[in-house]
PDB file of N, CA and C in Angstrom:
ATOM      1  N   UNK A   1    -167.743 -85.124 -44.586  1.00  0.00           N
ATOM      2  CA  UNK A   1    -168.742 -84.931 -45.619  1.00  0.00           C
ATOM      3  C   UNK A   1    -169.509 -83.633 -45.343  1.00  0.00           C
ATOM      4  N   UNK A   2    -169.638 -82.849 -46.368  1.00  0.00           N
ATOM      5  CA  UNK A   2    -170.324 -81.562 -46.261  1.00  0.00           C
ATOM      6  C   UNK A   2    -171.826 -81.775 -46.078  1.00  0.00           C
ATOM      7  N   UNK A   3    -172.432 -80.959 -45.207  1.00  0.00           N
ATOM      8  CA  UNK A   3    -173.876 -81.025 -44.976  1.00  0.00           C
ATOM      9  C   UNK A   3    -174.459 -79.628 -45.032  1.00  0.00           C
ATOM     10  N   UNK A   4    -175.741 -79.550 -45.372  1.00  0.00           N
ATOM     11  CA  UNK A   4    -176.437 -78.255 -45.444  1.00  0.00           C
ATOM     12  C   UNK A   4    -177.246 -78.039 -44.184  1.00  0.00           C
ATOM     13  N   UNK A   5    -177.187 -76.797 -43.712  1.00  0.00           N
ATOM     14  CA  UNK A   5    -178.018 -76.452 -42.563  1.00  0.00           C
ATOM     15  C   UNK A   5    -178.965 -75.299 -42.883  1.00  0.00           C
ATOM     16  N   UNK A   6    -179.016 -74.918 -44.172  1.00  0.00           N
ATOM     17  CA  UNK A   6    -179.868 -73.802 -44.583  1.00  0.00           C
ATOM     18  C   UNK A   6    -181.177 -74.259 -45.235  1.00  0.00           C
ATOM     19  N   UNK A   7    -181.429 -75.568 -45.276  1.00  0.00           N
ATOM     20  CA  UNK A   7    -182.634 -76.089 -45.904  1.00  0.00           C
ATOM     21  C   UNK A   7    -183.576 -76.662 -44.857  1.00  0.00           C
ATOM     22  N   UNK A   8    -184.857 -76.570 -45.165  1.00  0.00           N
ATOM     23  CA  UNK A   8    -185.856 -77.244 -44.351  1.00  0.00           C
ATOM     24  C   UNK A   8    -186.020 -78.644 -44.946  1.00  0.00           C
ATOM     25  N   UNK A   9    -185.261 -79.596 -44.405  1.00  0.00           N
ATOM     26  CA  UNK A   9    -185.290 -80.952 -44.934  1.00  0.00           C
ATOM     27  C   UNK A   9    -186.686 -81.564 -44.860  1.00  0.00           C
ATOM     28  N   UNK A  10    -187.479 -81.190 -43.861  1.00  0.00           N
ATOM     29  CA  UNK A  10    -188.843 -81.712 -43.736  1.00  0.00           C
ATOM     30  C   UNK A  10    -189.699 -81.300 -44.924  1.00  0.00           C
ATOM     31  N   UNK A  11    -189.516 -80.056 -45.381  1.00  0.00           N
ATOM     32  CA  UNK A  11    -190.268 -79.564 -46.542  1.00  0.00           C
ATOM     33  C   UNK A  11    -189.961 -80.411 -47.772  1.00  0.00           C
ATOM     34  N   UNK A  12    -188.670 -80.650 -48.014  1.00  0.00           N
ATOM     35  CA  UNK A  12    -188.277 -81.414 -49.199  1.00  0.00           C
ATOM     36  C   UNK A  12    -188.607 -82.895 -49.060  1.00  0.00           C
ATOM     37  N   UNK A  13    -188.530 -83.414 -47.850  1.00  0.00           N
ATOM     38  CA  UNK A  13    -188.905 -84.804 -47.631  1.00  0.00           C
ATOM     39  C   UNK A  13    -190.388 -85.002 -47.946  1.00  0.00           C
ATOM     40  N   UNK A  14    -191.223 -84.066 -47.528  1.00  0.00           N
ATOM     41  CA  UNK A  14    -192.666 -84.140 -47.808  1.00  0.00           C
ATOM     42  C   UNK A  14    -192.913 -84.094 -49.319  1.00  0.00           C
ATOM     43  N   UNK A  15    -192.244 -83.168 -50.006  1.00  0.00           N
ATOM     44  CA  UNK A  15    -192.384 -83.046 -51.462  1.00  0.00           C
ATOM     45  C   UNK A  15    -191.983 -84.347 -52.141  1.00  0.00           C
ATOM     46  N   UNK A  16    -190.841 -84.897 -51.731  1.00  0.00           N
ATOM     47  CA  UNK A  16    -190.327 -86.112 -52.360  1.00  0.00           C
ATOM     48  C   UNK A  16    -191.206 -87.327 -52.061  1.00  0.00           C
ATOM     49  N   UNK A  17    -191.740 -87.418 -50.858  1.00  0.00           N
ATOM     50  CA  UNK A  17    -192.611 -88.543 -50.526  1.00  0.00           C
ATOM     51  C   UNK A  17    -193.917 -88.470 -51.317  1.00  0.00           C
ATOM     52  N   UNK A  18    -194.454 -87.274 -51.507  1.00  0.00           N
ATOM     53  CA  UNK A  18    -195.649 -87.117 -52.338  1.00  0.00           C
ATOM     54  C   UNK A  18    -195.345 -87.504 -53.781  1.00  0.00           C
ATOM     55  N   UNK A  19    -194.184 -87.087 -54.262  1.00  0.00           N
ATOM     56  CA  UNK A  19    -193.740 -87.420 -55.618  1.00  0.00           C
ATOM     57  C   UNK A  19    -193.593 -88.940 -55.757  1.00  0.00           C
ATOM     58  N   UNK A  20    -193.067 -89.576 -54.729  1.00  0.00           N
ATOM     59  CA  UNK A  20    -192.863 -91.016 -54.727  1.00  0.00           C
ATOM     60  C   UNK A  20    -194.197 -91.756 -54.889  1.00  0.00           C
ATOM     61  N   UNK A  21    -195.208 -91.344 -54.143  1.00  0.00           N
ATOM     62  CA  UNK A  21    -196.530 -91.968 -54.233  1.00  0.00           C
ATOM     63  C   UNK A  21    -197.099 -91.784 -55.634  1.00  0.00           C
ATOM     64  N   UNK A  22    -196.970 -90.591 -56.180  1.00  0.00           N
ATOM     65  CA  UNK A  22    -197.479 -90.295 -57.523  1.00  0.00           C
ATOM     66  C   UNK A  22    -196.774 -91.175 -58.569  1.00  0.00           C
ATOM     67  N   UNK A  23    -195.468 -91.290 -58.469  1.00  0.00           N
ATOM     68  CA  UNK A  23    -194.702 -92.096 -59.432  1.00  0.00           C
ATOM     69  C   UNK A  23    -195.080 -93.569 -59.313  1.00  0.00           C
ATOM     70  N   UNK A  24    -195.186 -94.056 -58.088  1.00  0.00           N
ATOM     71  CA  UNK A  24    -195.561 -95.461 -57.890  1.00  0.00           C
ATOM     72  C   UNK A  24    -196.942 -95.739 -58.474  1.00  0.00           C
ATOM     73  N   UNK A  25    -197.878 -94.813 -58.325  1.00  0.00           N
ATOM     74  CA  UNK A  25    -199.214 -94.959 -58.924  1.00  0.00           C
ATOM     75  C   UNK A  25    -199.117 -94.996 -60.446  1.00  0.00           C
ATOM     76  N   UNK A  26    -198.308 -94.103 -61.010  1.00  0.00           N
ATOM     77  CA  UNK A  26    -198.120 -94.071 -62.466  1.00  0.00           C
ATOM     78  C   UNK A  26    -197.546 -95.386 -62.979  1.00  0.00           C
ATOM     79  N   UNK A  27    -196.542 -95.897 -62.274  1.00  0.00           N
ATOM     80  CA  UNK A  27    -195.900 -97.148 -62.689  1.00  0.00           C
ATOM     81  C   UNK A  27    -196.903 -98.301 -62.647  1.00  0.00           C
ATOM     82  N   UNK A  28    -197.677 -98.364 -61.597  1.00  0.00           N
ATOM     83  CA  UNK A  28    -198.683 -99.415 -61.472  1.00  0.00           C
ATOM     84  C   UNK A  28    -199.693 -99.341 -62.620  1.00  0.00           C
ATOM     85  N   UNK A  29    -200.146 -98.130 -62.932  1.00  0.00           N
ATOM     86  CA  UNK A  29    -201.117 -97.944 -64.017  1.00  0.00           C
ATOM     87  C   UNK A  29    -200.507 -98.331 -65.369  1.00  0.00           C
ATOM     88  N   UNK A  30    -199.267 -97.904 -65.604  1.00  0.00           N
ATOM     89  CA  UNK A  30    -198.616 -98.229 -66.878  1.00  0.00           C
ATOM     90  C   UNK A  30    -198.420 -99.731 -67.031  1.00  0.00           C
ATOM     91  N   UNK A  31    -198.006-100.400 -65.964  1.00  0.00           N
ATOM     92  CA  UNK A  31    -197.819-101.854 -66.036  1.00  0.00           C
ATOM     93  C   UNK A  31    -199.141-102.555 -66.311  1.00  0.00           C
ATOM     94  N   UNK A  32    -200.195-102.054 -65.698  1.00  0.00           N
ATOM     95  CA  UNK A  32    -201.522-102.626 -65.927  1.00  0.00           C
ATOM     96  C   UNK A  32    -201.936-102.451 -67.388  1.00  0.00           C
ATOM     97  N   UNK A  33    -201.706-101.268 -67.934  1.00  0.00           N
ATOM     98  CA  UNK A  33    -202.033-101.004 -69.335  1.00  0.00           C
ATOM     99  C   UNK A  33    -201.226-101.898 -70.265  1.00  0.00           C
ATOM    100  N   UNK A  34    -199.940-102.052 -69.968  1.00  0.00           N
ATOM    101  CA  UNK A  34    -199.093-102.890 -70.813  1.00  0.00           C
ATOM    102  C   UNK A  34    -199.526-104.353 -70.744  1.00  0.00           C
ATOM    103  N   UNK A  35    -199.926-104.802 -69.567  1.00  0.00           N
ATOM    104  CA  UNK A  35    -200.410-106.179 -69.428  1.00  0.00           C
ATOM    105  C   UNK A  35    -201.679-106.391 -70.237  1.00  0.00           C
ATOM    106  N   UNK A  36    -202.588-105.408 -70.206  1.00  0.00           N
ATOM    107  CA  UNK A  36    -203.849-105.568 -70.937  1.00  0.00           C
ATOM    108  C   UNK A  36    -203.625-105.502 -72.443  1.00  0.00           C
ATOM    109  N   UNK A  37    -202.707-104.666 -72.896  1.00  0.00           N
ATOM    110  CA  UNK A  37    -202.403-104.583 -74.330  1.00  0.00           C
ATOM    111  C   UNK A  37    -201.730-105.868 -74.783  1.00  0.00           C
ATOM    112  N   UNK A  38    -200.835-106.382 -73.961  1.00  0.00           N
ATOM    113  CA  UNK A  38    -200.109-107.597 -74.319  1.00  0.00           C
ATOM    114  C   UNK A  38    -200.985-108.829 -74.357  1.00  0.00           C
ATOM    115  N   UNK A  39    -202.106-108.807 -73.671  1.00  0.00           N
ATOM    116  CA  UNK A  39    -202.975-109.987 -73.627  1.00  0.00           C
ATOM    117  C   UNK A  39    -204.189-109.861 -74.536  1.00  0.00           C
ATOM    118  N   UNK A  40    -204.261-108.819 -75.345  1.00  0.00           N
ATOM    119  CA  UNK A  40    -205.417-108.626 -76.218  1.00  0.00           C
ATOM    120  C   UNK A  40    -205.205-109.401 -77.519  1.00  0.00           C
ATOM    121  N   UNK A  41    -205.796-110.598 -77.582  1.00  0.00           N
ATOM    122  CA  UNK A  41    -205.641-111.454 -78.755  1.00  0.00           C
ATOM    123  C   UNK A  41    -206.746-111.247 -79.782  1.00  0.00           C
ATOM    124  N   UNK A  42    -207.720-110.402 -79.484  1.00  0.00           N
ATOM    125  CA  UNK A  42    -208.868-110.234 -80.361  1.00  0.00           C
ATOM    126  C   UNK A  42    -208.679-109.195 -81.447  1.00  0.00           C
ATOM    127  N   UNK A  43    -207.456-108.803 -81.728  1.00  0.00           N
ATOM    128  CA  UNK A  43    -207.215-107.769 -82.735  1.00  0.00           C
ATOM    129  C   UNK A  43    -207.029-108.450 -84.090  1.00  0.00           C
ATOM    130  N   UNK A  44    -207.879-108.087 -85.021  1.00  0.00           N
ATOM    131  CA  UNK A  44    -207.810-108.684 -86.359  1.00  0.00           C
ATOM    132  C   UNK A  44    -207.328-107.680 -87.402  1.00  0.00           C
ATOM    133  N   UNK A  45    -207.551-106.431 -87.170  1.00  0.00           N
ATOM    134  CA  UNK A  45    -207.222-105.366 -88.110  1.00  0.00           C
ATOM    135  C   UNK A  45    -205.766-104.965 -87.951  1.00  0.00           C
ATOM    136  N   UNK A  46    -205.024-104.929 -89.052  1.00  0.00           N
ATOM    137  CA  UNK A  46    -203.595-104.573 -89.001  1.00  0.00           C
ATOM    138  C   UNK A  46    -203.378-103.147 -88.495  1.00  0.00           C
ATOM    139  N   UNK A  47    -204.290-102.265 -88.856  1.00  0.00           N
ATOM    140  CA  UNK A  47    -204.182-100.877 -88.401  1.00  0.00           C
ATOM    141  C   UNK A  47    -204.360-100.792 -86.881  1.00  0.00           C
ATOM    142  N   UNK A  48    -205.318-101.517 -86.357  1.00  0.00           N
ATOM    143  CA  UNK A  48    -205.523-101.560 -84.899  1.00  0.00           C
ATOM    144  C   UNK A  48    -204.311-102.165 -84.207  1.00  0.00           C
ATOM    145  N   UNK A  49    -203.759-103.215 -84.785  1.00  0.00           N
ATOM    146  CA  UNK A  49    -202.596-103.868 -84.213  1.00  0.00           C
ATOM    147  C   UNK A  49    -201.405-102.904 -84.182  1.00  0.00           C
ATOM    148  N   UNK A  50    -201.211-102.159 -85.256  1.00  0.00           N
ATOM    149  CA  UNK A  50    -200.124-101.176 -85.310  1.00  0.00           C
ATOM    150  C   UNK A  50    -200.337-100.088 -84.269  1.00  0.00           C
ATOM    151  N   UNK A  51    -201.574 -99.679 -84.098  1.00  0.00           N
ATOM    152  CA  UNK A  51    -201.893 -98.661 -83.107  1.00  0.00           C
ATOM    153  C   UNK A  51    -201.596 -99.173 -81.698  1.00  0.00           C
ATOM    154  N   UNK A  52    -201.963-100.432 -81.421  1.00  0.00           N
ATOM    155  CA  UNK A  52    -201.679-101.022 -80.118  1.00  0.00           C
ATOM    156  C   UNK A  52    -200.175-101.101 -79.860  1.00  0.00           C
ATOM    157  N   UNK A  53    -199.416-101.484 -80.886  1.00  0.00           N
ATOM    158  CA  UNK A  53    -197.959-101.563 -80.730  1.00  0.00           C
ATOM    159  C   UNK A  53    -197.362-100.190 -80.464  1.00  0.00           C
ATOM    160  N   UNK A  54    -197.888 -99.185 -81.140  1.00  0.00           N
ATOM    161  CA  UNK A  54    -197.403 -97.819 -80.926  1.00  0.00           C
ATOM    162  C   UNK A  54    -197.688 -97.369 -79.495  1.00  0.00           C
ATOM    163  N   UNK A  55    -198.893 -97.627 -79.021  1.00  0.00           N
ATOM    164  CA  UNK A  55    -199.238 -97.279 -77.637  1.00  0.00           C
ATOM    165  C   UNK A  55    -198.375 -98.046 -76.647  1.00  0.00           C
ATOM    166  N   UNK A  56    -198.122 -99.296 -76.932  1.00  0.00           N
ATOM    167  CA  UNK A  56    -197.294-100.129 -76.069  1.00  0.00           C
ATOM    168  C   UNK A  56    -195.868 -99.571 -76.003  1.00  0.00           C
ATOM    169  N   UNK A  57    -195.325 -99.167 -77.146  1.00  0.00           N
ATOM    170  CA  UNK A  57    -193.977 -98.569 -77.180  1.00  0.00           C
ATOM    171  C   UNK A  57    -193.937 -97.280 -76.367  1.00  0.00           C
ATOM    172  N   UNK A  58    -194.981 -96.457 -76.524  1.00  0.00           N
ATOM    173  CA  UNK A  58    -195.044 -95.203 -75.763  1.00  0.00           C
ATOM    174  C   UNK A  58    -195.140 -95.480 -74.269  1.00  0.00           C
ATOM    175  N   UNK A  59    -195.989 -96.433 -73.892  1.00  0.00           N
ATOM    176  CA  UNK A  59    -196.130 -96.794 -72.480  1.00  0.00           C
ATOM    177  C   UNK A  59    -194.815 -97.328 -71.917  1.00  0.00           C
ATOM    178  N   UNK A  60    -194.121 -98.142 -72.684  1.00  0.00           N
ATOM    179  CA  UNK A  60    -192.821 -98.664 -72.230  1.00  0.00           C
ATOM    180  C   UNK A  60    -191.814 -97.543 -72.017  1.00  0.00           C
ATOM    181  N   UNK A  61    -191.798 -96.580 -72.920  1.00  0.00           N
ATOM    182  CA  UNK A  61    -190.894 -95.438 -72.790  1.00  0.00           C
ATOM    183  C   UNK A  61    -191.222 -94.647 -71.529  1.00  0.00           C
ATOM    184  N   UNK A  62    -192.498 -94.381 -71.328  1.00  0.00           N
ATOM    185  CA  UNK A  62    -192.929 -93.635 -70.135  1.00  0.00           C
ATOM    186  C   UNK A  62    -192.630 -94.446 -68.875  1.00  0.00           C
ATOM    187  N   UNK A  63    -192.844 -95.753 -68.921  1.00  0.00           N
ATOM    188  CA  UNK A  63    -192.574 -96.620 -67.780  1.00  0.00           C
ATOM    189  C   UNK A  63    -191.096 -96.550 -67.394  1.00  0.00           C
ATOM    190  N   UNK A  64    -190.214 -96.632 -68.373  1.00  0.00           N
ATOM    191  CA  UNK A  64    -188.772 -96.555 -68.083  1.00  0.00           C
ATOM    192  C   UNK A  64    -188.407 -95.200 -67.483  1.00  0.00           C
ATOM    193  N   UNK A  65    -189.012 -94.145 -68.002  1.00  0.00           N
ATOM    194  CA  UNK A  65    -188.746 -92.805 -67.463  1.00  0.00           C
ATOM    195  C   UNK A  65    -189.232 -92.712 -66.026  1.00  0.00           C
ATOM    196  N   UNK A  66    -190.408 -93.249 -65.757  1.00  0.00           N
ATOM    197  CA  UNK A  66    -190.967 -93.208 -64.404  1.00  0.00           C
ATOM    198  C   UNK A  66    -190.134 -94.055 -63.438  1.00  0.00           C
ATOM    199  N   UNK A  67    -189.641 -95.195 -63.900  1.00  0.00           N
ATOM    200  CA  UNK A  67    -188.787 -96.036 -63.058  1.00  0.00           C
ATOM    201  C   UNK A  67    -187.476 -95.316 -62.719  1.00  0.00           C
ATOM    202  N   UNK A  68    -186.941 -94.594 -63.704  1.00  0.00           N
ATOM    203  CA  UNK A  68    -185.733 -93.801 -63.454  1.00  0.00           C
ATOM    204  C   UNK A  68    -186.017 -92.695 -62.432  1.00  0.00           C
ATOM    205  N   UNK A  69    -187.139 -92.027 -62.611  1.00  0.00           N
ATOM    206  CA  UNK A  69    -187.516 -90.956 -61.682  1.00  0.00           C
ATOM    207  C   UNK A  69    -187.754 -91.506 -60.272  1.00  0.00           C
ATOM    208  N   UNK A  70    -188.302 -92.702 -60.186  1.00  0.00           N
ATOM    209  CA  UNK A  70    -188.497 -93.361 -58.889  1.00  0.00           C
ATOM    210  C   UNK A  70    -187.150 -93.582 -58.200  1.00  0.00           C
ATOM    211  N   UNK A  71    -186.172 -94.085 -58.938  1.00  0.00           N
ATOM    212  CA  UNK A  71    -184.839 -94.314 -58.372  1.00  0.00           C
ATOM    213  C   UNK A  71    -184.204 -92.999 -57.916  1.00  0.00           C
ATOM    214  N   UNK A  72    -184.366 -91.960 -58.712  1.00  0.00           N
ATOM    215  CA  UNK A  72    -183.793 -90.657 -58.363  1.00  0.00           C
ATOM    216  C   UNK A  72    -184.475 -90.078 -57.119  1.00  0.00           C
ATOM    217  N   UNK A  73    -185.777 -90.290 -57.007  1.00  0.00           N
ATOM    218  CA  UNK A  73    -186.513 -89.796 -55.837  1.00  0.00           C
ATOM    219  C   UNK A  73    -186.073 -90.540 -54.579  1.00  0.00           C
ATOM    220  N   UNK A  74    -185.907 -91.839 -54.683  1.00  0.00           N
ATOM    221  CA  UNK A  74    -185.419 -92.630 -53.541  1.00  0.00           C
ATOM    222  C   UNK A  74    -184.009 -92.191 -53.168  1.00  0.00           C
ATOM    223  N   UNK A  75    -183.184 -91.916 -54.162  1.00  0.00           N
ATOM    224  CA  UNK A  75    -181.822 -91.430 -53.919  1.00  0.00           C
ATOM    225  C   UNK A  75    -181.856 -90.090 -53.173  1.00  0.00           C
ATOM    226  N   UNK A  76    -182.719 -89.185 -53.615  1.00  0.00           N
ATOM    227  CA  UNK A  76    -182.832 -87.876 -52.963  1.00  0.00           C
ATOM    228  C   UNK A  76    -183.308 -88.015 -51.520  1.00  0.00           C
ATOM    229  N   UNK A  77    -184.243 -88.928 -51.271  1.00  0.00           N
ATOM    230  CA  UNK A  77    -184.696 -89.158 -49.900  1.00  0.00           C
ATOM    231  C   UNK A  77    -183.554 -89.693 -49.030  1.00  0.00           C
ATOM    232  N   UNK A  78    -182.716 -90.534 -49.610  1.00  0.00           N
ATOM    233  CA  UNK A  78    -181.545 -91.026 -48.888  1.00  0.00           C
ATOM    234  C   UNK A  78    -180.582 -89.911 -48.544  1.00  0.00           C
ATOM    235  N   UNK A  79    -180.442 -88.956 -49.467  1.00  0.00           N
ATOM    236  CA  UNK A  79    -179.558 -87.812 -49.209  1.00  0.00           C
ATOM    237  C   UNK A  79    -180.121 -86.919 -48.111  1.00  0.00           C
ATOM    238  N   UNK A  80    -181.446 -86.846 -48.011  1.00  0.00           N
ATOM    239  CA  UNK A  80    -182.050 -86.088 -46.914  1.00  0.00           C
ATOM    240  C   UNK A  80    -181.693 -86.765 -45.597  1.00  0.00           C
ATOM    241  N   UNK A  81    -181.800 -88.079 -45.572  1.00  0.00           N
ATOM    242  CA  UNK A  81    -181.513 -88.822 -44.340  1.00  0.00           C
ATOM    243  C   UNK A  81    -180.062 -88.648 -43.882  1.00  0.00           C
ATOM    244  N   UNK A  82    -179.127 -88.605 -44.838  1.00  0.00           N
ATOM    245  CA  UNK A  82    -177.724 -88.466 -44.426  1.00  0.00           C
ATOM    246  C   UNK A  82    -177.235 -87.017 -44.411  1.00  0.00           C
ATOM    247  N   UNK A  83    -178.149 -86.071 -44.720  1.00  0.00           N
ATOM    248  CA  UNK A  83    -177.814 -84.654 -44.602  1.00  0.00           C
ATOM    249  C   UNK A  83    -177.084 -84.050 -45.780  1.00  0.00           C
ATOM    250  N   UNK A  84    -176.958 -84.792 -46.881  1.00  0.00           N
ATOM    251  CA  UNK A  84    -176.229 -84.271 -48.040  1.00  0.00           C
ATOM    252  C   UNK A  84    -177.142 -83.785 -49.157  1.00  0.00           C
ATOM    253  N   UNK A  85    -178.437 -83.735 -48.894  1.00  0.00           N
ATOM    254  CA  UNK A  85    -179.390 -83.247 -49.892  1.00  0.00           C
ATOM    255  C   UNK A  85    -179.054 -81.801 -50.245  1.00  0.00           C
ATOM    256  N   UNK A  86    -179.100 -81.488 -51.542  1.00  0.00           N
ATOM    257  CA  UNK A  86    -178.867 -80.113 -51.981  1.00  0.00           C
ATOM    258  C   UNK A  86    -177.407 -79.772 -52.204  1.00  0.00           C
ATOM    259  N   UNK A  87    -176.542 -80.782 -52.200  1.00  0.00           N
ATOM    260  CA  UNK A  87    -175.118 -80.561 -52.450  1.00  0.00           C
ATOM    261  C   UNK A  87    -174.773 -81.232 -53.778  1.00  0.00           C
ATOM    262  N   UNK A  88    -174.149 -80.475 -54.662  1.00  0.00           N
ATOM    263  CA  UNK A  88    -173.795 -80.957 -55.994  1.00  0.00           C
ATOM    264  C   UNK A  88    -172.870 -82.171 -55.874  1.00  0.00           C
ATOM    265  N   UNK A  89    -173.218 -83.245 -56.571  1.00  0.00           N
ATOM    266  CA  UNK A  89    -172.424 -84.459 -56.524  1.00  0.00           C
ATOM    267  C   UNK A  89    -171.136 -84.349 -57.335  1.00  0.00           C
ATOM    268  N   UNK A  90    -171.020 -83.326 -58.182  1.00  0.00           N
ATOM    269  CA  UNK A  90    -169.798 -83.145 -58.970  1.00  0.00           C
ATOM    270  C   UNK A  90    -168.843 -82.145 -58.324  1.00  0.00           C
ATOM    271  N   UNK A  91    -169.398 -81.034 -57.856  1.00  0.00           N
ATOM    272  CA  UNK A  91    -168.527 -79.956 -57.359  1.00  0.00           C
ATOM    273  C   UNK A  91    -168.557 -79.802 -55.844  1.00  0.00           C
ATOM    274  N   UNK A  92    -169.484 -80.451 -55.180  1.00  0.00           N
ATOM    275  CA  UNK A  92    -169.696 -80.334 -53.727  1.00  0.00           C
ATOM    276  C   UNK A  92    -170.144 -78.926 -53.320  1.00  0.00           C
ATOM    277  N   UNK A  93    -170.595 -78.133 -54.299  1.00  0.00           N
ATOM    278  CA  UNK A  93    -171.139 -76.809 -53.999  1.00  0.00           C
ATOM    279  C   UNK A  93    -172.632 -76.928 -53.722  1.00  0.00           C
ATOM    280  N   UNK A  94    -173.170 -75.924 -53.083  1.00  0.00           N
ATOM    281  CA  UNK A  94    -174.594 -75.931 -52.761  1.00  0.00           C
ATOM    282  C   UNK A  94    -175.436 -75.726 -54.010  1.00  0.00           C
ATOM    283  N   UNK A  95    -176.447 -76.549 -54.165  1.00  0.00           N
ATOM    284  CA  UNK A  95    -177.412 -76.373 -55.246  1.00  0.00           C
ATOM    285  C   UNK A  95    -178.397 -75.309 -54.770  1.00  0.00           C
ATOM    286  N   UNK A  96    -178.652 -74.283 -55.582  1.00  0.00           N
ATOM    287  CA  UNK A  96    -179.570 -73.227 -55.154  1.00  0.00           C
ATOM    288  C   UNK A  96    -180.949 -73.773 -54.752  1.00  0.00           C
ATOM    289  N   UNK A  97    -181.493 -73.208 -53.711  1.00  0.00           N
ATOM    290  CA  UNK A  97    -182.795 -73.635 -53.188  1.00  0.00           C
ATOM    291  C   UNK A  97    -183.857 -73.535 -54.282  1.00  0.00           C
ATOM    292  N   UNK A  98    -183.792 -72.513 -55.120  1.00  0.00           N
ATOM    293  CA  UNK A  98    -184.773 -72.337 -56.191  1.00  0.00           C
ATOM    294  C   UNK A  98    -184.741 -73.541 -57.130  1.00  0.00           C
ATOM    295  N   UNK A  99    -183.559 -74.028 -57.457  1.00  0.00           N
ATOM    296  CA  UNK A  99    -183.428 -75.206 -58.332  1.00  0.00           C
ATOM    297  C   UNK A  99    -184.031 -76.432 -57.653  1.00  0.00           C
ATOM    298  N   UNK A 100    -183.777 -76.585 -56.367  1.00  0.00           N
ATOM    299  CA  UNK A 100    -184.308 -77.736 -55.633  1.00  0.00           C
ATOM    300  C   UNK A 100    -185.830 -77.692 -55.546  1.00  0.00           C
ATOM    301  N   UNK A 101    -186.370 -76.501 -55.454  1.00  0.00           N
ATOM    302  CA  UNK A 101    -187.843 -76.397 -55.403  1.00  0.00           C
ATOM    303  C   UNK A 101    -188.472 -76.798 -56.737  1.00  0.00           C
ATOM    304  N   UNK A 102    -187.794 -76.469 -57.825  1.00  0.00           N
ATOM    305  CA  UNK A 102    -188.293 -76.820 -59.153  1.00  0.00           C
ATOM    306  C   UNK A 102    -188.011 -78.294 -59.457  1.00  0.00           C
ATOM    307  N   UNK A 103    -186.838 -78.772 -59.033  1.00  0.00           N
ATOM    308  CA  UNK A 103    -186.414 -80.135 -59.324  1.00  0.00           C
ATOM    309  C   UNK A 103    -185.760 -80.734 -58.079  1.00  0.00           C
ATOM    310  N   UNK A 104    -186.566 -81.234 -57.147  1.00  0.00           N
ATOM    311  CA  UNK A 104    -186.010 -81.718 -55.880  1.00  0.00           C
ATOM    312  C   UNK A 104    -185.125 -82.952 -56.003  1.00  0.00           C
ATOM    313  N   UNK A 105    -185.094 -83.581 -57.184  1.00  0.00           N
ATOM    314  CA  UNK A 105    -184.208 -84.730 -57.364  1.00  0.00           C
ATOM    315  C   UNK A 105    -182.886 -84.339 -58.026  1.00  0.00           C
ATOM    316  N   UNK A 106    -182.656 -83.030 -58.161  1.00  0.00           N
ATOM    317  CA  UNK A 106    -181.423 -82.560 -58.797  1.00  0.00           C
ATOM    318  C   UNK A 106    -180.205 -83.070 -58.040  1.00  0.00           C
ATOM    319  N   UNK A 107    -179.255 -83.604 -58.787  1.00  0.00           N
ATOM    320  CA  UNK A 107    -178.014 -84.098 -58.200  1.00  0.00           C
ATOM    321  C   UNK A 107    -176.875 -83.093 -58.342  1.00  0.00           C
ATOM    322  N   UNK A 108    -177.035 -82.192 -59.309  1.00  0.00           N
ATOM    323  CA  UNK A 108    -175.938 -81.272 -59.606  1.00  0.00           C
ATOM    324  C   UNK A 108    -176.422 -79.831 -59.710  1.00  0.00           C
ATOM    325  N   UNK A 109    -175.473 -78.976 -59.550  1.00  0.00           N
ATOM    326  CA  UNK A 109    -175.692 -77.543 -59.728  1.00  0.00           C
ATOM    327  C   UNK A 109    -175.573 -77.246 -61.216  1.00  0.00           C
ATOM    328  N   UNK A 110    -176.371 -76.346 -61.727  1.00  0.00           N
ATOM    329  CA  UNK A 110    -176.330 -76.004 -63.134  1.00  0.00           C
ATOM    330  C   UNK A 110    -175.592 -74.698 -63.320  1.00  0.00           C
ATOM    331  N   UNK A 111    -174.816 -74.617 -64.371  1.00  0.00           N
ATOM    332  CA  UNK A 111    -174.141 -73.364 -64.701  1.00  0.00           C
ATOM    333  C   UNK A 111    -172.787 -73.235 -64.040  1.00  0.00           C
ATOM    334  N   UNK A 112    -172.127 -72.129 -64.358  1.00  0.00           N
ATOM    335  CA  UNK A 112    -170.769 -71.902 -63.875  1.00  0.00           C
ATOM    336  C   UNK A 112    -170.702 -70.966 -62.685  1.00  0.00           C
ATOM    337  N   UNK A 113    -171.846 -70.404 -62.300  1.00  0.00           N
ATOM    338  CA  UNK A 113    -171.839 -69.460 -61.178  1.00  0.00           C
ATOM    339  C   UNK A 113    -171.428 -70.181 -59.902  1.00  0.00           C
ATOM    340  N   UNK A 114    -170.908 -69.440 -58.951  1.00  0.00           N
ATOM    341  CA  UNK A 114    -170.463 -70.048 -57.680  1.00  0.00           C
ATOM    342  C   UNK A 114    -171.572 -70.236 -56.715  1.00  0.00           C
TER     343      UNK A 114
END
């Protein structure tokens, strides 16, 4: 299995762990909001009810996105542990460091360049 020796894995591990805490906080907040919206029985106005449903749909969408990002962050941390972080899962080529700095959960290299 190919491994990278040109990256500071500690730098990316720190970034990913900070990202993990932030995502977990977001998920907790979103779940709390969804629970409070779901238990609000005092809504009598149809317009208010529609607004609550719209917010609930938006929160659910964001929650699913955050849960996906959480899984990707955990996956990236696992790749750091086994030394394969920064290697394209499709081509086995090195993902540019600049791309990893912008998107540390990147699984693939973008573009056709070598």
